[in-house]
Amino acid sequence: MSEHPEIAEVDWIDDAFYIYETRFGLFTSVRKDTGKDFLTGGTYEGVLTMSRWHLKCEQEGTLELYSRVVGSAIVGGKL
């Protein structure tokens, strides 16, 4: 599988993701395995730390220990 030239020039962090600054001044990490945006935050260091932590939890299978659903997205009645 050949990578897109723009992606091949990216500095991969831990060979798993890279981080870029958005036009609004936020920072977003992009996963290498999916090529999709992963996490967004206000600082580069925060996104770096949380991206590494999230991927570590996925590998260990412990992510559900730190996740919970708050509220419900179901709207009752007729709209």
Protein backbone atom coordinates (compact mmCIF):
# COMPACT_ATOMS: atom_id res chain seq x y z
CA MET A 1 0.00 0.00 0.00
CA SER A 2 1.47 3.34 -0.97
CA GLU A 3 0.97 6.42 1.17
CA HIS A 4 -0.16 9.79 -0.10
CA PRO A 5 2.94 12.03 -0.60
CA GLU A 6 1.73 14.64 1.92
CA ILE A 7 1.25 11.96 4.59
CA ALA A 8 4.64 10.38 3.88
CA GLU A 9 6.32 13.69 4.82
CA VAL A 10 4.69 13.85 8.27
CA ASP A 11 6.79 13.37 11.42
CA TRP A 12 5.05 10.37 13.01
CA ILE A 13 5.02 10.24 16.80
CA ASP A 14 5.62 6.71 18.13
CA ASP A 15 4.94 5.58 14.52
CA ALA A 16 1.24 5.82 15.40
CA PHE A 17 0.01 9.42 14.99
CA TYR A 18 0.99 12.98 14.17
CA ILE A 19 -0.24 16.34 15.45
CA TYR A 20 -1.07 19.46 13.46
CA GLU A 21 -2.31 22.92 14.38
CA THR A 22 -5.77 23.78 13.07
CA ARG A 23 -6.67 27.12 11.57
CA PHE A 24 -8.42 28.00 14.84
CA GLY A 25 -5.26 27.55 16.93
CA LEU A 26 -6.17 24.14 18.33
CA PHE A 27 -4.09 20.98 17.95
CA THR A 28 -5.41 17.73 16.46
CA SER A 29 -3.80 14.29 16.35
CA VAL A 30 -4.30 12.00 13.36
CA ARG A 31 -3.98 8.22 13.63
CA LYS A 32 -1.72 6.42 11.19
CA ASP A 33 -3.88 3.27 11.03
CA THR A 34 -7.09 5.10 10.10
CA GLY A 35 -5.84 8.40 8.69
CA LYS A 36 -8.64 10.19 10.54
CA ASP A 37 -8.61 12.94 13.16
CA PHE A 38 -8.25 11.45 16.61
CA LEU A 39 -8.13 13.96 19.49
CA THR A 40 -8.28 17.76 19.57
CA GLY A 41 -7.08 20.03 22.36
CA GLY A 42 -5.84 23.48 23.25
CA THR A 43 -2.13 22.68 23.61
CA TYR A 44 0.31 20.51 21.69
CA GLU A 45 1.58 18.88 24.90
CA GLY A 46 -1.96 18.05 26.05
CA VAL A 47 -2.87 16.38 22.76
CA LEU A 48 0.45 14.50 22.75
CA THR A 49 -0.07 13.18 26.28
CA MET A 50 -3.71 12.19 25.79
CA SER A 51 -3.14 10.59 22.38
CA ARG A 52 -0.39 8.39 23.83
CA TRP A 53 -2.55 7.52 26.86
CA HIS A 54 -5.60 6.70 24.72
CA LEU A 55 -3.63 4.44 22.37
CA LYS A 56 -1.99 2.70 25.35
CA CYS A 57 -5.41 2.01 26.88
CA GLU A 58 -6.68 0.65 23.54
CA GLN A 59 -3.71 -1.75 23.35
CA GLU A 60 -4.19 -2.91 26.94
CA GLY A 61 -7.96 -3.19 26.56
CA THR A 62 -8.57 -0.89 29.53
CA LEU A 63 -10.21 2.06 27.78
CA GLU A 64 -13.70 1.10 28.97
CA LEU A 65 -12.50 1.47 32.58
CA TYR A 66 -12.08 5.21 31.94
CA SER A 67 -15.17 5.79 29.78
CA ARG A 68 -18.75 6.51 30.72
CA VAL A 69 -21.89 7.80 29.05
CA VAL A 70 -23.43 10.92 30.53
CA GLY A 71 -27.03 11.70 29.61
CA SER A 72 -29.07 10.34 26.76
CA ALA A 73 -29.25 11.34 23.12
CA ILE A 74 -32.81 10.09 22.73
CA VAL A 75 -35.48 12.71 22.21
CA GLY A 76 -38.94 11.66 23.33
CA GLY A 77 -42.08 12.67 21.53
CA LYS A 78 -42.67 13.91 18.04
CA LEU A 79 -40.45 16.64 16.66
